[in-house]
């Protein structure tokens, strides 16, 4: 949000320090590597990717966020609206671990 407010290029560069490639890179190719990841840490990263797209217009960050949401909705979302067990994602299509 700081980069959006100030428009300063260094703030955009600093924002990229939070990209977490081990999480975002697999989203580009629809790879499911969510098992054993902490949900409450990674959902905000996906939201941040979408916000980055909104601020910069970089289409790849919209794609990453959309792919993550599609993966989450099709493999780990429960009828209760939750997607994790004890804040961690388990195996796809399974409740709990």
PDB file of N, CA and C in Angstrom:
ATOM      1  N   UNK A   1       0.821  -1.182   0.000  1.00  0.00           N
ATOM      2  CA  UNK A   1       0.000   0.000   0.000  1.00  0.00           C
ATOM      3  C   UNK A   1       0.867   1.249   0.000  1.00  0.00           C
ATOM      4  N   UNK A   2       2.035   1.150   0.593  1.00  0.00           N
ATOM      5  CA  UNK A   2       2.925   2.300   0.634  1.00  0.00           C
ATOM      6  C   UNK A   2       3.321   2.729  -0.775  1.00  0.00           C
ATOM      7  N   UNK A   3       3.614   1.775  -1.643  1.00  0.00           N
ATOM      8  CA  UNK A   3       3.983   2.102  -3.023  1.00  0.00           C
ATOM      9  C   UNK A   3       2.824   2.786  -3.745  1.00  0.00           C
ATOM     10  N   UNK A   4       1.609   2.354  -3.469  1.00  0.00           N
ATOM     11  CA  UNK A   4       0.440   2.975  -4.096  1.00  0.00           C
ATOM     12  C   UNK A   4       0.261   4.413  -3.623  1.00  0.00           C
ATOM     13  N   UNK A   5       0.557   4.658  -2.360  1.00  0.00           N
ATOM     14  CA  UNK A   5       0.379   5.994  -1.798  1.00  0.00           C
ATOM     15  C   UNK A   5       1.468   6.951  -2.271  1.00  0.00           C
ATOM     16  N   UNK A   6       2.722   6.478  -2.228  1.00  0.00           N
ATOM     17  CA  UNK A   6       3.840   7.376  -2.539  1.00  0.00           C
ATOM     18  C   UNK A   6       4.218   7.407  -4.007  1.00  0.00           C
ATOM     19  N   UNK A   7       4.011   6.292  -4.711  1.00  0.00           N
ATOM     20  CA  UNK A   7       4.432   6.201  -6.104  1.00  0.00           C
ATOM     21  C   UNK A   7       5.940   6.068  -6.265  1.00  0.00           C
ATOM     22  N   UNK A   8       6.652   5.879  -5.188  1.00  0.00           N
ATOM     23  CA  UNK A   8       8.114   5.790  -5.244  1.00  0.00           C
ATOM     24  C   UNK A   8       8.550   4.390  -5.660  1.00  0.00           C
ATOM     25  N   UNK A   9       9.437   4.298  -6.664  1.00  0.00           N
ATOM     26  CA  UNK A   9       9.873   2.990  -7.174  1.00  0.00           C
ATOM     27  C   UNK A   9      10.531   2.098  -6.117  1.00  0.00           C
ATOM     28  N   UNK A  10      11.250   2.699  -5.175  1.00  0.00           N
ATOM     29  CA  UNK A  10      11.899   1.868  -4.163  1.00  0.00           C
ATOM     30  C   UNK A  10      10.876   1.173  -3.268  1.00  0.00           C
ATOM     31  N   UNK A  11       9.711   1.775  -3.101  1.00  0.00           N
ATOM     32  CA  UNK A  11       8.683   1.129  -2.305  1.00  0.00           C
ATOM     33  C   UNK A  11       8.125  -0.095  -3.030  1.00  0.00           C
ATOM     34  N   UNK A  12       8.073  -0.033  -4.344  1.00  0.00           N
ATOM     35  CA  UNK A  12       7.667  -1.227  -5.116  1.00  0.00           C
ATOM     36  C   UNK A  12       8.701  -2.326  -4.961  1.00  0.00           C
ATOM     37  N   UNK A  13       9.975  -1.950  -5.033  1.00  0.00           N
ATOM     38  CA  UNK A  13      11.043  -2.953  -4.883  1.00  0.00           C
ATOM     39  C   UNK A  13      10.977  -3.585  -3.495  1.00  0.00           C
ATOM     40  N   UNK A  14      10.758  -2.766  -2.480  1.00  0.00           N
ATOM     41  CA  UNK A  14      10.675  -3.297  -1.124  1.00  0.00           C
ATOM     42  C   UNK A  14       9.478  -4.231  -0.979  1.00  0.00           C
ATOM     43  N   UNK A  15       8.389  -3.904  -1.629  1.00  0.00           N
ATOM     44  CA  UNK A  15       7.201  -4.763  -1.560  1.00  0.00           C
ATOM     45  C   UNK A  15       7.494  -6.155  -2.117  1.00  0.00           C
ATOM     46  N   UNK A  16       8.367  -6.229  -3.120  1.00  0.00           N
ATOM     47  CA  UNK A  16       8.677  -7.529  -3.718  1.00  0.00           C
ATOM     48  C   UNK A  16       9.428  -8.443  -2.754  1.00  0.00           C
ATOM     49  N   UNK A  17       9.971  -7.902  -1.679  1.00  0.00           N
ATOM     50  CA  UNK A  17      10.634  -8.735  -0.674  1.00  0.00           C
ATOM     51  C   UNK A  17       9.636  -9.661   0.028  1.00  0.00           C
ATOM     52  N   UNK A  18       8.347  -9.349  -0.074  1.00  0.00           N
ATOM     53  CA  UNK A  18       7.301 -10.150   0.561  1.00  0.00           C
ATOM     54  C   UNK A  18       6.627 -11.121  -0.413  1.00  0.00           C
ATOM     55  N   UNK A  19       7.155 -11.259  -1.613  1.00  0.00           N
ATOM     56  CA  UNK A  19       6.522 -12.092  -2.636  1.00  0.00           C
ATOM     57  C   UNK A  19       6.476 -13.578  -2.274  1.00  0.00           C
ATOM     58  N   UNK A  20       7.441 -14.076  -1.565  1.00  0.00           N
ATOM     59  CA  UNK A  20       7.533 -15.480  -1.159  1.00  0.00           C
ATOM     60  C   UNK A  20       7.416 -16.425  -2.364  1.00  0.00           C
ATOM     61  N   UNK A  21       8.471 -16.500  -3.180  1.00  0.00           N
ATOM     62  CA  UNK A  21       8.451 -17.324  -4.394  1.00  0.00           C
ATOM     63  C   UNK A  21       8.093 -18.789  -4.163  1.00  0.00           C
ATOM     64  N   UNK A  22       8.433 -19.350  -3.003  1.00  0.00           N
ATOM     65  CA  UNK A  22       8.101 -20.761  -2.760  1.00  0.00           C
ATOM     66  C   UNK A  22       6.593 -20.983  -2.735  1.00  0.00           C
ATOM     67  N   UNK A  23       5.834 -19.926  -2.495  1.00  0.00           N
ATOM     68  CA  UNK A  23       4.381 -20.014  -2.505  1.00  0.00           C
ATOM     69  C   UNK A  23       3.796 -19.512  -3.821  1.00  0.00           C
ATOM     70  N   UNK A  24       4.252 -18.378  -4.304  1.00  0.00           N
ATOM     71  CA  UNK A  24       3.648 -17.775  -5.496  1.00  0.00           C
ATOM     72  C   UNK A  24       4.054 -18.464  -6.801  1.00  0.00           C
ATOM     73  N   UNK A  25       5.301 -18.905  -6.915  1.00  0.00           N
ATOM     74  CA  UNK A  25       5.754 -19.509  -8.179  1.00  0.00           C
ATOM     75  C   UNK A  25       4.924 -20.710  -8.606  1.00  0.00           C
ATOM     76  N   UNK A  26       4.612 -21.642  -7.697  1.00  0.00           N
ATOM     77  CA  UNK A  26       3.772 -22.775  -8.110  1.00  0.00           C
ATOM     78  C   UNK A  26       2.376 -22.349  -8.596  1.00  0.00           C
ATOM     79  N   UNK A  27       1.900 -21.196  -8.136  1.00  0.00           N
ATOM     80  CA  UNK A  27       0.580 -20.732  -8.569  1.00  0.00           C
ATOM     81  C   UNK A  27       0.571 -20.411 -10.062  1.00  0.00           C
ATOM     82  N   UNK A  28       1.718 -20.019 -10.593  1.00  0.00           N
ATOM     83  CA  UNK A  28       1.800 -19.672 -12.018  1.00  0.00           C
ATOM     84  C   UNK A  28       1.543 -20.882 -12.902  1.00  0.00           C
ATOM     85  N   UNK A  29       1.857 -22.071 -12.408  1.00  0.00           N
ATOM     86  CA  UNK A  29       1.712 -23.286 -13.210  1.00  0.00           C
ATOM     87  C   UNK A  29       0.648 -24.232 -12.659  1.00  0.00           C
ATOM     88  N   UNK A  30      -0.192 -23.720 -11.756  1.00  0.00           N
ATOM     89  CA  UNK A  30      -1.273 -24.509 -11.145  1.00  0.00           C
ATOM     90  C   UNK A  30      -0.752 -25.713 -10.360  1.00  0.00           C
ATOM     91  N   UNK A  31       0.476 -25.647  -9.855  1.00  0.00           N
ATOM     92  CA  UNK A  31       1.000 -26.736  -9.026  1.00  0.00           C
ATOM     93  C   UNK A  31       0.414 -26.622  -7.630  1.00  0.00           C
ATOM     94  N   UNK A  32       0.026 -27.743  -7.077  1.00  0.00           N
ATOM     95  CA  UNK A  32      -0.535 -27.762  -5.736  1.00  0.00           C
ATOM     96  C   UNK A  32       0.555 -28.124  -4.742  1.00  0.00           C
ATOM     97  N   UNK A  33       1.095 -27.110  -4.088  1.00  0.00           N
ATOM     98  CA  UNK A  33       2.096 -27.325  -3.044  1.00  0.00           C
ATOM     99  C   UNK A  33       1.618 -26.755  -1.707  1.00  0.00           C
ATOM    100  N   UNK A  34       0.315 -26.690  -1.538  1.00  0.00           N
ATOM    101  CA  UNK A  34      -0.247 -26.083  -0.328  1.00  0.00           C
ATOM    102  C   UNK A  34      -0.172 -26.970   0.906  1.00  0.00           C
ATOM    103  N   UNK A  35      -0.073 -28.282   0.722  1.00  0.00           N
ATOM    104  CA  UNK A  35      -0.065 -29.194   1.874  1.00  0.00           C
ATOM    105  C   UNK A  35       1.023 -28.804   2.857  1.00  0.00           C
ATOM    106  N   UNK A  36       0.629 -28.751   4.125  1.00  0.00           N
ATOM    107  CA  UNK A  36       1.495 -28.431   5.257  1.00  0.00           C
ATOM    108  C   UNK A  36       1.883 -26.956   5.335  1.00  0.00           C
ATOM    109  N   UNK A  37       1.335 -26.120   4.456  1.00  0.00           N
ATOM    110  CA  UNK A  37       1.598 -24.681   4.555  1.00  0.00           C
ATOM    111  C   UNK A  37       0.619 -24.059   5.547  1.00  0.00           C
ATOM    112  N   UNK A  38       1.043 -23.004   6.195  1.00  0.00           N
ATOM    113  CA  UNK A  38       0.221 -22.297   7.170  1.00  0.00           C
ATOM    114  C   UNK A  38      -0.725 -21.352   6.430  1.00  0.00           C
ATOM    115  N   UNK A  39      -2.005 -21.639   6.511  1.00  0.00           N
ATOM    116  CA  UNK A  39      -3.014 -20.894   5.743  1.00  0.00           C
ATOM    117  C   UNK A  39      -3.035 -19.413   6.085  1.00  0.00           C
ATOM    118  N   UNK A  40      -2.990 -19.100   7.370  1.00  0.00           N
ATOM    119  CA  UNK A  40      -3.116 -17.701   7.778  1.00  0.00           C
ATOM    120  C   UNK A  40      -1.920 -16.859   7.376  1.00  0.00           C
ATOM    121  N   UNK A  41      -0.829 -17.479   6.995  1.00  0.00           N
ATOM    122  CA  UNK A  41       0.337 -16.758   6.492  1.00  0.00           C
ATOM    123  C   UNK A  41       0.208 -16.513   4.994  1.00  0.00           C
ATOM    124  N   UNK A  42      -0.330 -17.490   4.281  1.00  0.00           N
ATOM    125  CA  UNK A  42      -0.287 -17.449   2.822  1.00  0.00           C
ATOM    126  C   UNK A  42      -1.484 -16.776   2.161  1.00  0.00           C
ATOM    127  N   UNK A  43      -2.637 -16.788   2.783  1.00  0.00           N
ATOM    128  CA  UNK A  43      -3.790 -16.088   2.211  1.00  0.00           C
ATOM    129  C   UNK A  43      -3.482 -14.595   2.032  1.00  0.00           C
ATOM    130  N   UNK A  44      -2.893 -13.926   3.031  1.00  0.00           N
ATOM    131  CA  UNK A  44      -2.559 -12.506   2.828  1.00  0.00           C
ATOM    132  C   UNK A  44      -1.541 -12.271   1.709  1.00  0.00           C
ATOM    133  N   UNK A  45      -0.674 -13.244   1.460  1.00  0.00           N
ATOM    134  CA  UNK A  45       0.290 -13.095   0.364  1.00  0.00           C
ATOM    135  C   UNK A  45      -0.445 -13.099  -0.972  1.00  0.00           C
ATOM    136  N   UNK A  46      -1.440 -13.963  -1.106  1.00  0.00           N
ATOM    137  CA  UNK A  46      -2.239 -13.993  -2.337  1.00  0.00           C
ATOM    138  C   UNK A  46      -3.036 -12.696  -2.497  1.00  0.00           C
ATOM    139  N   UNK A  47      -3.586 -12.193  -1.405  1.00  0.00           N
ATOM    140  CA  UNK A  47      -4.308 -10.918  -1.452  1.00  0.00           C
ATOM    141  C   UNK A  47      -3.350  -9.798  -1.853  1.00  0.00           C
ATOM    142  N   UNK A  48      -2.140  -9.843  -1.319  1.00  0.00           N
ATOM    143  CA  UNK A  48      -1.126  -8.854  -1.680  1.00  0.00           C
ATOM    144  C   UNK A  48      -0.762  -8.913  -3.148  1.00  0.00           C
ATOM    145  N   UNK A  49      -0.721 -10.115  -3.719  1.00  0.00           N
ATOM    146  CA  UNK A  49      -0.430 -10.254  -5.146  1.00  0.00           C
ATOM    147  C   UNK A  49      -1.522  -9.583  -5.980  1.00  0.00           C
ATOM    148  N   UNK A  50      -2.764  -9.782  -5.582  1.00  0.00           N
ATOM    149  CA  UNK A  50      -3.863  -9.142  -6.311  1.00  0.00           C
ATOM    150  C   UNK A  50      -3.795  -7.622  -6.159  1.00  0.00           C
ATOM    151  N   UNK A  51      -3.485  -7.159  -4.974  1.00  0.00           N
ATOM    152  CA  UNK A  51      -3.351  -5.713  -4.761  1.00  0.00           C
ATOM    153  C   UNK A  51      -2.204  -5.154  -5.599  1.00  0.00           C
ATOM    154  N   UNK A  52      -1.127  -5.905  -5.691  1.00  0.00           N
ATOM    155  CA  UNK A  52       0.007  -5.453  -6.516  1.00  0.00           C
ATOM    156  C   UNK A  52      -0.419  -5.305  -7.969  1.00  0.00           C
ATOM    157  N   UNK A  53      -1.215  -6.237  -8.448  1.00  0.00           N
ATOM    158  CA  UNK A  53      -1.738  -6.112  -9.819  1.00  0.00           C
ATOM    159  C   UNK A  53      -2.569  -4.841  -9.961  1.00  0.00           C
ATOM    160  N   UNK A  54      -3.410  -4.581  -8.976  1.00  0.00           N
ATOM    161  CA  UNK A  54      -4.271  -3.390  -9.031  1.00  0.00           C
ATOM    162  C   UNK A  54      -3.451  -2.103  -9.051  1.00  0.00           C
ATOM    163  N   UNK A  55      -2.326  -2.083  -8.336  1.00  0.00           N
ATOM    164  CA  UNK A  55      -1.489  -0.890  -8.245  1.00  0.00           C
ATOM    165  C   UNK A  55      -0.583  -0.733  -9.466  1.00  0.00           C
ATOM    166  N   UNK A  56       0.018  -1.857  -9.896  1.00  0.00           N
ATOM    167  CA  UNK A  56       1.034  -1.782 -10.949  1.00  0.00           C
ATOM    168  C   UNK A  56       0.523  -2.163 -12.333  1.00  0.00           C
ATOM    169  N   UNK A  57      -0.579  -2.897 -12.376  1.00  0.00           N
ATOM    170  CA  UNK A  57      -1.076  -3.382 -13.660  1.00  0.00           C
ATOM    171  C   UNK A  57      -0.343  -4.615 -14.155  1.00  0.00           C
ATOM    172  N   UNK A  58       0.558  -5.176 -13.336  1.00  0.00           N
ATOM    173  CA  UNK A  58       1.304  -6.371 -13.736  1.00  0.00           C
ATOM    174  C   UNK A  58       0.350  -7.569 -13.776  1.00  0.00           C
ATOM    175  N   UNK A  59       0.073  -8.098 -14.974  1.00  0.00           N
ATOM    176  CA  UNK A  59      -0.927  -9.165 -15.089  1.00  0.00           C
ATOM    177  C   UNK A  59      -0.538 -10.452 -14.385  1.00  0.00           C
ATOM    178  N   UNK A  60       0.740 -10.719 -14.230  1.00  0.00           N
ATOM    179  CA  UNK A  60       1.156 -11.973 -13.607  1.00  0.00           C
ATOM    180  C   UNK A  60       0.655 -12.068 -12.172  1.00  0.00           C
ATOM    181  N   UNK A  61       0.555 -10.950 -11.472  1.00  0.00           N
ATOM    182  CA  UNK A  61       0.117 -11.014 -10.084  1.00  0.00           C
ATOM    183  C   UNK A  61      -1.383 -11.277  -9.976  1.00  0.00           C
ATOM    184  N   UNK A  62      -2.141 -10.843 -10.949  1.00  0.00           N
ATOM    185  CA  UNK A  62      -3.568 -11.211 -10.975  1.00  0.00           C
ATOM    186  C   UNK A  62      -3.703 -12.705 -11.246  1.00  0.00           C
ATOM    187  N   UNK A  63      -2.915 -13.208 -12.188  1.00  0.00           N
ATOM    188  CA  UNK A  63      -2.943 -14.631 -12.508  1.00  0.00           C
ATOM    189  C   UNK A  63      -2.586 -15.473 -11.289  1.00  0.00           C
ATOM    190  N   UNK A  64      -1.562 -15.078 -10.556  1.00  0.00           N
ATOM    191  CA  UNK A  64      -1.160 -15.825  -9.361  1.00  0.00           C
ATOM    192  C   UNK A  64      -2.286 -15.874  -8.344  1.00  0.00           C
ATOM    193  N   UNK A  65      -2.922 -14.742  -8.103  1.00  0.00           N
ATOM    194  CA  UNK A  65      -4.021 -14.689  -7.135  1.00  0.00           C
ATOM    195  C   UNK A  65      -5.218 -15.515  -7.611  1.00  0.00           C
ATOM    196  N   UNK A  66      -5.552 -15.408  -8.883  1.00  0.00           N
ATOM    197  CA  UNK A  66      -6.686 -16.181  -9.415  1.00  0.00           C
ATOM    198  C   UNK A  66      -6.411 -17.681  -9.353  1.00  0.00           C
ATOM    199  N   UNK A  67      -5.206 -18.086  -9.715  1.00  0.00           N
ATOM    200  CA  UNK A  67      -4.871 -19.510  -9.673  1.00  0.00           C
ATOM    201  C   UNK A  67      -4.904 -20.046  -8.250  1.00  0.00           C
ATOM    202  N   UNK A  68      -4.413 -19.248  -7.302  1.00  0.00           N
ATOM    203  CA  UNK A  68      -4.456 -19.662  -5.899  1.00  0.00           C
ATOM    204  C   UNK A  68      -5.904 -19.839  -5.443  1.00  0.00           C
ATOM    205  N   UNK A  69      -6.747 -18.867  -5.739  1.00  0.00           N
ATOM    206  CA  UNK A  69      -8.139 -18.944  -5.306  1.00  0.00           C
ATOM    207  C   UNK A  69      -8.843 -20.143  -5.940  1.00  0.00           C
ATOM    208  N   UNK A  70      -8.565 -20.392  -7.205  1.00  0.00           N
ATOM    209  CA  UNK A  70      -9.156 -21.552  -7.875  1.00  0.00           C
ATOM    210  C   UNK A  70      -8.695 -22.848  -7.205  1.00  0.00           C
ATOM    211  N   UNK A  71      -7.403 -22.944  -6.927  1.00  0.00           N
ATOM    212  CA  UNK A  71      -6.867 -24.137  -6.271  1.00  0.00           C
ATOM    213  C   UNK A  71      -7.485 -24.322  -4.892  1.00  0.00           C
ATOM    214  N   UNK A  72      -7.537 -23.262  -4.130  1.00  0.00           N
ATOM    215  CA  UNK A  72      -8.090 -23.334  -2.786  1.00  0.00           C
ATOM    216  C   UNK A  72      -9.569 -23.739  -2.807  1.00  0.00           C
ATOM    217  N   UNK A  73     -10.331 -23.132  -3.695  1.00  0.00           N
ATOM    218  CA  UNK A  73     -11.768 -23.415  -3.772  1.00  0.00           C
ATOM    219  C   UNK A  73     -12.072 -24.818  -4.265  1.00  0.00           C
ATOM    220  N   UNK A  74     -11.230 -25.369  -5.107  1.00  0.00           N
ATOM    221  CA  UNK A  74     -11.522 -26.686  -5.685  1.00  0.00           C
ATOM    222  C   UNK A  74     -10.906 -27.846  -4.912  1.00  0.00           C
ATOM    223  N   UNK A  75      -9.953 -27.564  -4.012  1.00  0.00           N
ATOM    224  CA  UNK A  75      -9.292 -28.677  -3.325  1.00  0.00           C
ATOM    225  C   UNK A  75      -9.352 -28.630  -1.809  1.00  0.00           C
ATOM    226  N   UNK A  76      -9.652 -27.461  -1.217  1.00  0.00           N
ATOM    227  CA  UNK A  76      -9.542 -27.387   0.238  1.00  0.00           C
ATOM    228  C   UNK A  76     -10.634 -26.589   0.932  1.00  0.00           C
ATOM    229  N   UNK A  77     -11.611 -26.091   0.243  1.00  0.00           N
ATOM    230  CA  UNK A  77     -12.651 -25.309   0.906  1.00  0.00           C
ATOM    231  C   UNK A  77     -13.758 -26.230   1.387  1.00  0.00           C
ATOM    232  N   UNK A  78     -14.135 -26.063   2.658  1.00  0.00           N
ATOM    233  CA  UNK A  78     -15.138 -26.912   3.282  1.00  0.00           C
ATOM    234  C   UNK A  78     -16.489 -26.211   3.312  1.00  0.00           C
ATOM    235  N   UNK A  79     -17.532 -26.962   3.593  1.00  0.00           N
ATOM    236  CA  UNK A  79     -18.889 -26.401   3.654  1.00  0.00           C
ATOM    237  C   UNK A  79     -19.002 -25.296   4.704  1.00  0.00           C
ATOM    238  N   UNK A  80     -18.151 -25.335   5.698  1.00  0.00           N
ATOM    239  CA  UNK A  80     -18.170 -24.315   6.750  1.00  0.00           C
ATOM    240  C   UNK A  80     -17.573 -22.992   6.285  1.00  0.00           C
ATOM    241  N   UNK A  81     -16.928 -23.011   5.118  1.00  0.00           N
ATOM    242  CA  UNK A  81     -16.261 -21.823   4.608  1.00  0.00           C
ATOM    243  C   UNK A  81     -14.776 -21.804   4.908  1.00  0.00           C
ATOM    244  N   UNK A  82     -14.320 -22.712   5.743  1.00  0.00           N
ATOM    245  CA  UNK A  82     -12.901 -22.794   6.074  1.00  0.00           C
ATOM    246  C   UNK A  82     -12.129 -23.558   5.018  1.00  0.00           C
ATOM    247  N   UNK A  83     -10.805 -23.492   5.114  1.00  0.00           N
ATOM    248  CA  UNK A  83      -9.970 -24.205   4.144  1.00  0.00           C
ATOM    249  C   UNK A  83      -8.803 -24.921   4.813  1.00  0.00           C
ATOM    250  N   UNK A  84      -8.709 -24.832   6.129  1.00  0.00           N
ATOM    251  CA  UNK A  84      -7.552 -25.426   6.798  1.00  0.00           C
ATOM    252  C   UNK A  84      -7.988 -26.163   8.061  1.00  0.00           C
ATOM    253  N   UNK A  85      -7.079 -26.950   8.576  1.00  0.00           N
ATOM    254  CA  UNK A  85      -7.281 -27.688   9.822  1.00  0.00           C
ATOM    255  C   UNK A  85      -6.166 -27.253  10.759  1.00  0.00           C
ATOM    256  N   UNK A  86      -6.519 -26.650  11.875  1.00  0.00           N
ATOM    257  CA  UNK A  86      -5.528 -26.093  12.804  1.00  0.00           C
ATOM    258  C   UNK A  86      -4.601 -25.114  12.074  1.00  0.00           C
ATOM    259  N   UNK A  87      -5.185 -24.329  11.188  1.00  0.00           N
ATOM    260  CA  UNK A  87      -4.522 -23.270  10.431  1.00  0.00           C
ATOM    261  C   UNK A  87      -3.527 -23.760   9.383  1.00  0.00           C
ATOM    262  N   UNK A  88      -3.471 -25.050   9.140  1.00  0.00           N
ATOM    263  CA  UNK A  88      -2.590 -25.603   8.106  1.00  0.00           C
ATOM    264  C   UNK A  88      -3.410 -26.313   7.048  1.00  0.00           C
ATOM    265  N   UNK A  89      -2.937 -26.234   5.822  1.00  0.00           N
ATOM    266  CA  UNK A  89      -3.592 -26.969   4.751  1.00  0.00           C
ATOM    267  C   UNK A  89      -3.082 -28.397   4.732  1.00  0.00           C
ATOM    268  N   UNK A  90      -4.000 -29.310   4.580  1.00  0.00           N
ATOM    269  CA  UNK A  90      -3.644 -30.718   4.479  1.00  0.00           C
ATOM    270  C   UNK A  90      -3.665 -31.160   3.031  1.00  0.00           C
ATOM    271  N   UNK A  91      -3.841 -32.442   2.846  1.00  0.00           N
ATOM    272  CA  UNK A  91      -3.908 -33.009   1.501  1.00  0.00           C
ATOM    273  C   UNK A  91      -5.152 -32.529   0.789  1.00  0.00           C
ATOM    274  N   UNK A  92      -5.094 -32.410  -0.529  1.00  0.00           N
ATOM    275  CA  UNK A  92      -6.271 -31.959  -1.279  1.00  0.00           C
ATOM    276  C   UNK A  92      -7.464 -32.896  -1.079  1.00  0.00           C
ATOM    277  N   UNK A  93      -8.638 -32.322  -1.021  1.00  0.00           N
ATOM    278  CA  UNK A  93      -9.913 -33.054  -0.939  1.00  0.00           C
ATOM    279  C   UNK A  93     -10.066 -33.890   0.333  1.00  0.00           C
ATOM    280  N   UNK A  94      -9.330 -33.532   1.404  1.00  0.00           N
ATOM    281  CA  UNK A  94      -9.444 -34.267   2.652  1.00  0.00           C
ATOM    282  C   UNK A  94      -9.604 -33.281   3.800  1.00  0.00           C
ATOM    283  N   UNK A  95     -10.555 -33.561   4.650  1.00  0.00           N
ATOM    284  CA  UNK A  95     -10.769 -32.756   5.844  1.00  0.00           C
ATOM    285  C   UNK A  95      -9.799 -33.223   6.915  1.00  0.00           C
ATOM    286  N   UNK A  96      -9.088 -32.323   7.502  1.00  0.00           N
ATOM    287  CA  UNK A  96      -8.095 -32.688   8.512  1.00  0.00           C
ATOM    288  C   UNK A  96      -6.793 -33.102   7.887  1.00  0.00           C
ATOM    289  N   UNK A  97      -6.000 -33.847   8.635  1.00  0.00           N
ATOM    290  CA  UNK A  97      -4.668 -34.236   8.135  1.00  0.00           C
ATOM    291  C   UNK A  97      -4.601 -35.709   7.968  1.00  0.00           C
TER     292      UNK A  97
END
